[in-house]
């Protein structure tokens, strides 16, 4: 209920301040390919009760991730536009000197951590500015996690694997800004998601793009840099501080 009230309040303020909206119904679809370097740690369990144990750090492999999205913009006053974005995020790393408790197992020796932080963004936003030079969208979002933290390793004389699902959500503030060069199709952009109830969660991207106007649809090609940080305490029974960052390239079609 608290998360719903926060998001509703944000959207209410934006609906009052928004002076412009789409003049026709618009539909967008796009996707990015993102080359990430993952780093960070998660906390093991304490061997006494359910307290949080020491942080565990692995050397995570670089990996190609992806995002796809759809957006609907309309001219109806006070009703926000909507965007849904699916983000695939996975990291895995191994080490040989494990010695910690996790989910009822005492891992000692070689182990591999599989940290999946895939998520879906549900964004409601208003077009505050929309012209040939500057566009600005502001709104609220809910980032629904659907990942897991899995450990596979040596336990005594055998191996064991166990995981905890990461399936809670984060209420976030949303902003997207774009500044273009009229007549050239060139633009710079920034896209920001900031955690409200989880202030250690953010998702930033910024870069350069080129837009090509067509008869039936407009095409935008974009390149840039993205940074996703997930610093949480007892979120879906996990405490961790992970970061995914790196360059991306993508395309968006506007109908």
C-alpha atoms as a PDB file:
ATOM      1  CA  UNK A   1       0.000   0.000   0.000  1.00  0.00           C
ATOM      2  CA  UNK A   2       2.845   2.407   0.859  1.00  0.00           C
ATOM      3  CA  UNK A   3       4.493   1.862  -2.529  1.00  0.00           C
ATOM      4  CA  UNK A   4       1.192   2.442  -4.339  1.00  0.00           C
ATOM      5  CA  UNK A   5       0.580   5.720  -2.488  1.00  0.00           C
ATOM      6  CA  UNK A   6       4.063   7.009  -3.326  1.00  0.00           C
ATOM      7  CA  UNK A   7       3.653   6.261  -7.028  1.00  0.00           C
ATOM      8  CA  UNK A   8       0.145   7.778  -7.093  1.00  0.00           C
ATOM      9  CA  UNK A   9       1.356  10.992  -5.445  1.00  0.00           C
ATOM     10  CA  UNK A  10       4.181  11.391  -7.950  1.00  0.00           C
ATOM     11  CA  UNK A  11       1.893  10.919 -10.919  1.00  0.00           C
ATOM     12  CA  UNK A  12      -0.676  13.294  -9.473  1.00  0.00           C
ATOM     13  CA  UNK A  13       1.850  16.128  -9.228  1.00  0.00           C
ATOM     14  CA  UNK A  14       3.097  15.513 -12.747  1.00  0.00           C
ATOM     15  CA  UNK A  15      -0.400  15.449 -14.237  1.00  0.00           C
ATOM     16  CA  UNK A  16      -0.998  18.962 -12.901  1.00  0.00           C
ATOM     17  CA  UNK A  17       2.315  20.340 -14.199  1.00  0.00           C
ATOM     18  CA  UNK A  18       2.183  18.702 -17.628  1.00  0.00           C
ATOM     19  CA  UNK A  19       1.197  21.281 -20.224  1.00  0.00           C
ATOM     20  CA  UNK A  20       1.788  19.257 -23.363  1.00  0.00           C
ATOM     21  CA  UNK A  21       0.859  15.795 -24.566  1.00  0.00           C
ATOM     22  CA  UNK A  22       0.979  13.748 -27.728  1.00  0.00           C
ATOM     23  CA  UNK A  23      -1.377  15.123 -30.361  1.00  0.00           C
ATOM     24  CA  UNK A  24      -1.940  11.703 -31.930  1.00  0.00           C
ATOM     25  CA  UNK A  25      -1.782   8.128 -30.748  1.00  0.00           C
ATOM     26  CA  UNK A  26       1.782   6.829 -30.936  1.00  0.00           C
ATOM     27  CA  UNK A  27       3.384   3.442 -30.463  1.00  0.00           C
ATOM     28  CA  UNK A  28       7.079   2.710 -29.906  1.00  0.00           C
ATOM     29  CA  UNK A  29       9.046  -0.518 -29.778  1.00  0.00           C
ATOM     30  CA  UNK A  30      12.763  -0.950 -29.288  1.00  0.00           C
ATOM     31  CA  UNK A  31      15.655  -2.972 -27.990  1.00  0.00           C
ATOM     32  CA  UNK A  32      19.227  -2.622 -26.732  1.00  0.00           C
ATOM     33  CA  UNK A  33      22.212  -4.959 -26.632  1.00  0.00           C
ATOM     34  CA  UNK A  34      24.332  -4.216 -23.573  1.00  0.00           C
ATOM     35  CA  UNK A  35      27.889  -5.438 -22.908  1.00  0.00           C
ATOM     36  CA  UNK A  36      28.214  -5.468 -19.116  1.00  0.00           C
ATOM     37  CA  UNK A  37      30.942  -5.794 -16.548  1.00  0.00           C
ATOM     38  CA  UNK A  38      29.439  -7.026 -13.276  1.00  0.00           C
ATOM     39  CA  UNK A  39      30.950  -6.429  -9.854  1.00  0.00           C
ATOM     40  CA  UNK A  40      29.906  -6.410  -6.228  1.00  0.00           C
ATOM     41  CA  UNK A  41      29.080  -8.717  -3.376  1.00  0.00           C
ATOM     42  CA  UNK A  42      26.303 -10.472  -1.515  1.00  0.00           C
ATOM     43  CA  UNK A  43      26.065 -11.282   2.163  1.00  0.00           C
ATOM     44  CA  UNK A  44      26.189 -14.845   3.385  1.00  0.00           C
ATOM     45  CA  UNK A  45      24.098 -16.039   6.329  1.00  0.00           C
ATOM     46  CA  UNK A  46      25.375 -16.019   9.860  1.00  0.00           C
ATOM     47  CA  UNK A  47      25.912 -19.426  11.436  1.00  0.00           C
ATOM     48  CA  UNK A  48      24.038 -18.075  14.452  1.00  0.00           C
ATOM     49  CA  UNK A  49      20.317 -17.616  13.881  1.00  0.00           C
ATOM     50  CA  UNK A  50      19.193 -15.617  10.864  1.00  0.00           C
ATOM     51  CA  UNK A  51      21.569 -12.666  11.123  1.00  0.00           C
ATOM     52  CA  UNK A  52      23.392 -11.362   8.050  1.00  0.00           C
ATOM     53  CA  UNK A  53      26.852 -12.820   7.597  1.00  0.00           C
ATOM     54  CA  UNK A  54      30.016 -11.517   5.917  1.00  0.00           C
ATOM     55  CA  UNK A  55      30.017 -10.153   2.360  1.00  0.00           C
ATOM     56  CA  UNK A  56      31.132 -12.570  -0.372  1.00  0.00           C
ATOM     57  CA  UNK A  57      32.894 -11.317  -3.497  1.00  0.00           C
ATOM     58  CA  UNK A  58      33.281 -13.252  -6.753  1.00  0.00           C
ATOM     59  CA  UNK A  59      35.047 -12.409 -10.004  1.00  0.00           C
ATOM     60  CA  UNK A  60      32.086 -12.159 -12.353  1.00  0.00           C
ATOM     61  CA  UNK A  61      32.449 -12.736 -16.088  1.00  0.00           C
ATOM     62  CA  UNK A  62      31.600 -10.028 -18.624  1.00  0.00           C
ATOM     63  CA  UNK A  63      28.363 -10.820 -20.398  1.00  0.00           C
ATOM     64  CA  UNK A  64      26.112  -9.522 -23.176  1.00  0.00           C
ATOM     65  CA  UNK A  65      22.696  -8.546 -21.772  1.00  0.00           C
ATOM     66  CA  UNK A  66      19.578  -7.200 -23.443  1.00  0.00           C
ATOM     67  CA  UNK A  67      16.528  -4.973 -23.005  1.00  0.00           C
ATOM     68  CA  UNK A  68      13.338  -4.694 -25.050  1.00  0.00           C
ATOM     69  CA  UNK A  69      10.466  -2.263 -24.593  1.00  0.00           C
ATOM     70  CA  UNK A  70       7.149  -0.984 -25.856  1.00  0.00           C
ATOM     71  CA  UNK A  71       5.527   2.397 -25.200  1.00  0.00           C
ATOM     72  CA  UNK A  72       2.113   3.904 -25.877  1.00  0.00           C
ATOM     73  CA  UNK A  73       1.594   7.678 -26.069  1.00  0.00           C
ATOM     74  CA  UNK A  74      -1.805   9.324 -26.473  1.00  0.00           C
ATOM     75  CA  UNK A  75      -3.501  12.767 -26.415  1.00  0.00           C
ATOM     76  CA  UNK A  76      -5.886  12.093 -23.494  1.00  0.00           C
ATOM     77  CA  UNK A  77      -5.408  14.846 -20.844  1.00  0.00           C
ATOM     78  CA  UNK A  78      -4.228  13.836 -17.345  1.00  0.00           C
ATOM     79  CA  UNK A  79      -3.888  10.165 -18.311  1.00  0.00           C
ATOM     80  CA  UNK A  80      -0.210   9.123 -18.275  1.00  0.00           C
ATOM     81  CA  UNK A  81       1.567   7.425 -21.125  1.00  0.00           C
ATOM     82  CA  UNK A  82       2.864   3.924 -20.483  1.00  0.00           C
ATOM     83  CA  UNK A  83       6.119   2.127 -21.155  1.00  0.00           C
ATOM     84  CA  UNK A  84       7.040  -1.470 -20.341  1.00  0.00           C
ATOM     85  CA  UNK A  85      10.676  -2.540 -20.519  1.00  0.00           C
ATOM     86  CA  UNK A  86      12.080  -6.018 -19.953  1.00  0.00           C
ATOM     87  CA  UNK A  87      15.709  -6.169 -18.774  1.00  0.00           C
ATOM     88  CA  UNK A  88      17.754  -9.359 -18.798  1.00  0.00           C
ATOM     89  CA  UNK A  89      20.625  -9.280 -16.269  1.00  0.00           C
ATOM     90  CA  UNK A  90      22.760 -12.251 -15.279  1.00  0.00           C
ATOM     91  CA  UNK A  91      26.200 -12.662 -13.704  1.00  0.00           C
ATOM     92  CA  UNK A  92      28.218 -15.725 -12.753  1.00  0.00           C
ATOM     93  CA  UNK A  93      31.580 -16.155 -11.083  1.00  0.00           C
ATOM     94  CA  UNK A  94      33.627 -18.840  -9.361  1.00  0.00           C
ATOM     95  CA  UNK A  95      36.257 -19.063  -6.646  1.00  0.00           C
ATOM     96  CA  UNK A  96      38.147 -21.865  -4.917  1.00  0.00           C
ATOM     97  CA  UNK A  97      38.370 -20.643  -1.306  1.00  0.00           C
ATOM     98  CA  UNK A  98      34.702 -20.551  -0.286  1.00  0.00           C
ATOM     99  CA  UNK A  99      33.855 -20.714   3.410  1.00  0.00           C
ATOM    100  CA  UNK A 100      30.396 -19.417   4.302  1.00  0.00           C
ATOM    101  CA  UNK A 101      26.827 -20.392   5.195  1.00  0.00           C
ATOM    102  CA  UNK A 102      24.003 -19.827   2.721  1.00  0.00           C
ATOM    103  CA  UNK A 103      20.426 -21.052   2.808  1.00  0.00           C
ATOM    104  CA  UNK A 104      21.204 -23.825   5.288  1.00  0.00           C
ATOM    105  CA  UNK A 105      24.409 -25.067   3.610  1.00  0.00           C
ATOM    106  CA  UNK A 106      28.007 -24.618   4.720  1.00  0.00           C
ATOM    107  CA  UNK A 107      29.924 -24.118   1.475  1.00  0.00           C
ATOM    108  CA  UNK A 108      33.639 -24.853   1.872  1.00  0.00           C
ATOM    109  CA  UNK A 109      35.987 -25.085  -1.105  1.00  0.00           C
ATOM    110  CA  UNK A 110      35.155 -24.394  -4.747  1.00  0.00           C
ATOM    111  CA  UNK A 111      31.850 -22.695  -5.566  1.00  0.00           C
ATOM    112  CA  UNK A 112      30.055 -20.754  -8.290  1.00  0.00           C
ATOM    113  CA  UNK A 113      27.616 -17.904  -7.725  1.00  0.00           C
ATOM    114  CA  UNK A 114      24.814 -17.270 -10.221  1.00  0.00           C
ATOM    115  CA  UNK A 115      23.268 -13.867  -9.585  1.00  0.00           C
ATOM    116  CA  UNK A 116      20.298 -13.095 -11.809  1.00  0.00           C
ATOM    117  CA  UNK A 117      18.791  -9.629 -11.421  1.00  0.00           C
ATOM    118  CA  UNK A 118      16.443  -9.614 -14.417  1.00  0.00           C
ATOM    119  CA  UNK A 119      13.541  -7.205 -14.026  1.00  0.00           C
ATOM    120  CA  UNK A 120      10.580  -5.539 -15.718  1.00  0.00           C
ATOM    121  CA  UNK A 121      10.000  -1.771 -15.618  1.00  0.00           C
ATOM    122  CA  UNK A 122       6.399  -0.551 -15.607  1.00  0.00           C
ATOM    123  CA  UNK A 123       6.578   3.195 -16.303  1.00  0.00           C
ATOM    124  CA  UNK A 124       3.801   5.814 -16.246  1.00  0.00           C
ATOM    125  CA  UNK A 125       4.935   9.213 -17.504  1.00  0.00           C
ATOM    126  CA  UNK A 126       3.893  12.594 -18.877  1.00  0.00           C
ATOM    127  CA  UNK A 127       5.409  14.554 -21.759  1.00  0.00           C
ATOM    128  CA  UNK A 128       6.412  17.801 -20.052  1.00  0.00           C
ATOM    129  CA  UNK A 129       8.167  19.132 -23.173  1.00  0.00           C
ATOM    130  CA  UNK A 130       7.950  17.846 -26.736  1.00  0.00           C
ATOM    131  CA  UNK A 131       9.371  19.902 -29.607  1.00  0.00           C
ATOM    132  CA  UNK A 132      12.014  19.662 -32.331  1.00  0.00           C
ATOM    133  CA  UNK A 133      14.838  20.619 -29.965  1.00  0.00           C
ATOM    134  CA  UNK A 134      13.990  19.414 -26.448  1.00  0.00           C
ATOM    135  CA  UNK A 135      11.801  16.653 -25.074  1.00  0.00           C
ATOM    136  CA  UNK A 136      11.299  15.841 -21.398  1.00  0.00           C
ATOM    137  CA  UNK A 137       9.307  13.002 -19.867  1.00  0.00           C
ATOM    138  CA  UNK A 138       8.723  12.667 -16.112  1.00  0.00           C
ATOM    139  CA  UNK A 139       6.850  10.036 -14.173  1.00  0.00           C
ATOM    140  CA  UNK A 140       6.994   7.082 -11.821  1.00  0.00           C
ATOM    141  CA  UNK A 141       7.937   3.455 -12.303  1.00  0.00           C
ATOM    142  CA  UNK A 142       7.772   0.102 -10.610  1.00  0.00           C
ATOM    143  CA  UNK A 143      10.740  -2.205 -11.190  1.00  0.00           C
ATOM    144  CA  UNK A 144       9.538  -5.775 -10.658  1.00  0.00           C
ATOM    145  CA  UNK A 145      12.458  -8.098 -10.002  1.00  0.00           C
ATOM    146  CA  UNK A 146      12.300 -11.700 -11.209  1.00  0.00           C
ATOM    147  CA  UNK A 147      15.716 -13.131 -10.518  1.00  0.00           C
ATOM    148  CA  UNK A 148      17.540 -15.355  -8.061  1.00  0.00           C
ATOM    149  CA  UNK A 149      20.802 -15.773  -6.171  1.00  0.00           C
ATOM    150  CA  UNK A 150      22.063 -19.344  -6.560  1.00  0.00           C
ATOM    151  CA  UNK A 151      25.157 -20.970  -5.095  1.00  0.00           C
ATOM    152  CA  UNK A 152      26.560 -24.244  -6.439  1.00  0.00           C
ATOM    153  CA  UNK A 153      29.580 -25.618  -4.609  1.00  0.00           C
ATOM    154  CA  UNK A 154      31.339 -28.051  -2.338  1.00  0.00           C
ATOM    155  CA  UNK A 155      29.650 -28.976   0.925  1.00  0.00           C
ATOM    156  CA  UNK A 156      31.739 -31.474   2.858  1.00  0.00           C
ATOM    157  CA  UNK A 157      32.551 -34.420   0.600  1.00  0.00           C
ATOM    158  CA  UNK A 158      29.790 -33.665  -1.896  1.00  0.00           C
ATOM    159  CA  UNK A 159      28.289 -30.789  -3.876  1.00  0.00           C
ATOM    160  CA  UNK A 160      25.076 -28.889  -3.293  1.00  0.00           C
ATOM    161  CA  UNK A 161      23.113 -26.145  -4.999  1.00  0.00           C
ATOM    162  CA  UNK A 162      20.591 -23.797  -3.428  1.00  0.00           C
ATOM    163  CA  UNK A 163      18.973 -20.504  -4.350  1.00  0.00           C
ATOM    164  CA  UNK A 164      16.763 -17.709  -3.122  1.00  0.00           C
ATOM    165  CA  UNK A 165      14.312 -16.069  -5.482  1.00  0.00           C
ATOM    166  CA  UNK A 166      14.499 -12.295  -5.845  1.00  0.00           C
ATOM    167  CA  UNK A 167      10.936 -11.330  -6.676  1.00  0.00           C
ATOM    168  CA  UNK A 168      10.071  -8.097  -4.851  1.00  0.00           C
ATOM    169  CA  UNK A 169       9.659  -4.702  -6.505  1.00  0.00           C
ATOM    170  CA  UNK A 170      11.038  -1.162  -6.227  1.00  0.00           C
ATOM    171  CA  UNK A 171       9.090   2.109  -6.585  1.00  0.00           C
ATOM    172  CA  UNK A 172      11.158   4.545  -8.650  1.00  0.00           C
ATOM    173  CA  UNK A 173      11.111   8.079 -10.023  1.00  0.00           C
ATOM    174  CA  UNK A 174      11.491   8.245 -13.806  1.00  0.00           C
ATOM    175  CA  UNK A 175      12.918  10.860 -16.139  1.00  0.00           C
ATOM    176  CA  UNK A 176      13.925  10.944 -19.800  1.00  0.00           C
ATOM    177  CA  UNK A 177      15.458  13.940 -21.564  1.00  0.00           C
ATOM    178  CA  UNK A 178      16.494  14.411 -25.178  1.00  0.00           C
ATOM    179  CA  UNK A 179      18.152  17.373 -26.900  1.00  0.00           C
ATOM    180  CA  UNK A 180      18.351  17.342 -30.684  1.00  0.00           C
ATOM    181  CA  UNK A 181      19.914  19.273 -33.555  1.00  0.00           C
ATOM    182  CA  UNK A 182      17.099  20.383 -35.923  1.00  0.00           C
ATOM    183  CA  UNK A 183      17.479  19.151 -39.473  1.00  0.00           C
ATOM    184  CA  UNK A 184      20.277  16.682 -38.728  1.00  0.00           C
ATOM    185  CA  UNK A 185      18.441  14.003 -36.758  1.00  0.00           C
ATOM    186  CA  UNK A 186      21.275  13.942 -34.218  1.00  0.00           C
ATOM    187  CA  UNK A 187      20.400  13.965 -30.505  1.00  0.00           C
ATOM    188  CA  UNK A 188      21.789  13.304 -27.043  1.00  0.00           C
ATOM    189  CA  UNK A 189      19.682  11.591 -24.412  1.00  0.00           C
ATOM    190  CA  UNK A 190      19.563  10.519 -20.778  1.00  0.00           C
ATOM    191  CA  UNK A 191      17.228   8.030 -19.123  1.00  0.00           C
ATOM    192  CA  UNK A 192      17.056   7.789 -15.323  1.00  0.00           C
ATOM    193  CA  UNK A 193      15.305   5.540 -12.821  1.00  0.00           C
ATOM    194  CA  UNK A 194      15.896   6.376  -9.134  1.00  0.00           C
ATOM    195  CA  UNK A 195      14.744   4.118  -6.313  1.00  0.00           C
ATOM    196  CA  UNK A 196      12.393   5.725  -3.786  1.00  0.00           C
ATOM    197  CA  UNK A 197      11.697   3.006  -1.235  1.00  0.00           C
ATOM    198  CA  UNK A 198      15.097   1.418  -2.045  1.00  0.00           C
ATOM    199  CA  UNK A 199      17.462   4.366  -2.436  1.00  0.00           C
ATOM    200  CA  UNK A 200      20.406   2.096  -3.328  1.00  0.00           C
ATOM    201  CA  UNK A 201      18.759   1.026  -6.594  1.00  0.00           C
ATOM    202  CA  UNK A 202      19.227   3.065  -9.754  1.00  0.00           C
ATOM    203  CA  UNK A 203      19.269   2.520 -13.505  1.00  0.00           C
ATOM    204  CA  UNK A 204      20.997   5.218 -15.594  1.00  0.00           C
ATOM    205  CA  UNK A 205      21.739   5.443 -19.295  1.00  0.00           C
ATOM    206  CA  UNK A 206      23.000   8.240 -21.533  1.00  0.00           C
ATOM    207  CA  UNK A 207      24.260   8.480 -25.064  1.00  0.00           C
ATOM    208  CA  UNK A 208      24.016   9.700 -28.622  1.00  0.00           C
ATOM    209  CA  UNK A 209      21.408   8.882 -31.257  1.00  0.00           C
ATOM    210  CA  UNK A 210      20.350   9.439 -34.844  1.00  0.00           C
ATOM    211  CA  UNK A 211      16.721   9.663 -35.948  1.00  0.00           C
ATOM    212  CA  UNK A 212      15.537   8.941 -39.485  1.00  0.00           C
ATOM    213  CA  UNK A 213      12.032  10.110 -40.365  1.00  0.00           C
ATOM    214  CA  UNK A 214       9.943   7.851 -42.571  1.00  0.00           C
ATOM    215  CA  UNK A 215       6.465   7.875 -44.067  1.00  0.00           C
ATOM    216  CA  UNK A 216       4.959   5.165 -41.869  1.00  0.00           C
ATOM    217  CA  UNK A 217       7.492   5.086 -39.020  1.00  0.00           C
ATOM    218  CA  UNK A 218      10.531   6.859 -37.593  1.00  0.00           C
ATOM    219  CA  UNK A 219      13.709   4.950 -36.788  1.00  0.00           C
ATOM    220  CA  UNK A 220      16.221   5.874 -34.089  1.00  0.00           C
ATOM    221  CA  UNK A 221      19.647   4.281 -33.693  1.00  0.00           C
ATOM    222  CA  UNK A 222      21.365   4.866 -30.353  1.00  0.00           C
ATOM    223  CA  UNK A 223      24.617   4.117 -28.577  1.00  0.00           C
ATOM    224  CA  UNK A 224      25.610   4.937 -25.029  1.00  0.00           C
ATOM    225  CA  UNK A 225      26.587   3.833 -21.543  1.00  0.00           C
ATOM    226  CA  UNK A 226      24.346   2.270 -18.906  1.00  0.00           C
ATOM    227  CA  UNK A 227      24.784   1.732 -15.167  1.00  0.00           C
ATOM    228  CA  UNK A 228      22.474  -0.435 -13.040  1.00  0.00           C
ATOM    229  CA  UNK A 229      23.115  -0.513  -9.284  1.00  0.00           C
ATOM    230  CA  UNK A 230      21.339  -2.877  -6.884  1.00  0.00           C
ATOM    231  CA  UNK A 231      22.364  -2.111  -3.282  1.00  0.00           C
ATOM    232  CA  UNK A 232      19.730  -3.590  -0.966  1.00  0.00           C
ATOM    233  CA  UNK A 233      19.366  -4.885   2.586  1.00  0.00           C
ATOM    234  CA  UNK A 234      17.148  -7.932   3.206  1.00  0.00           C
ATOM    235  CA  UNK A 235      15.387  -7.528  -0.128  1.00  0.00           C
ATOM    236  CA  UNK A 236      13.612 -10.838  -0.891  1.00  0.00           C
ATOM    237  CA  UNK A 237      15.757 -12.312   1.927  1.00  0.00           C
ATOM    238  CA  UNK A 238      19.011 -11.200   0.267  1.00  0.00           C
ATOM    239  CA  UNK A 239      21.478  -8.464   1.122  1.00  0.00           C
ATOM    240  CA  UNK A 240      23.757  -7.490  -1.723  1.00  0.00           C
ATOM    241  CA  UNK A 241      25.512  -4.656  -3.520  1.00  0.00           C
ATOM    242  CA  UNK A 242      25.800  -5.418  -7.246  1.00  0.00           C
ATOM    243  CA  UNK A 243      26.542  -3.221 -10.225  1.00  0.00           C
ATOM    244  CA  UNK A 244      26.198  -3.844 -13.961  1.00  0.00           C
ATOM    245  CA  UNK A 245      27.705  -1.252 -16.282  1.00  0.00           C
ATOM    246  CA  UNK A 246      28.954  -0.935 -19.834  1.00  0.00           C
ATOM    247  CA  UNK A 247      28.320   0.277 -23.368  1.00  0.00           C
ATOM    248  CA  UNK A 248      25.141  -0.489 -25.307  1.00  0.00           C
ATOM    249  CA  UNK A 249      23.689  -0.069 -28.781  1.00  0.00           C
ATOM    250  CA  UNK A 250      20.060  -0.231 -29.806  1.00  0.00           C
ATOM    251  CA  UNK A 251      17.225   0.740 -32.098  1.00  0.00           C
ATOM    252  CA  UNK A 252      13.733   2.177 -31.596  1.00  0.00           C
ATOM    253  CA  UNK A 253      10.831   2.273 -34.056  1.00  0.00           C
ATOM    254  CA  UNK A 254       8.087   4.875 -33.620  1.00  0.00           C
ATOM    255  CA  UNK A 255       4.778   4.302 -35.428  1.00  0.00           C
END
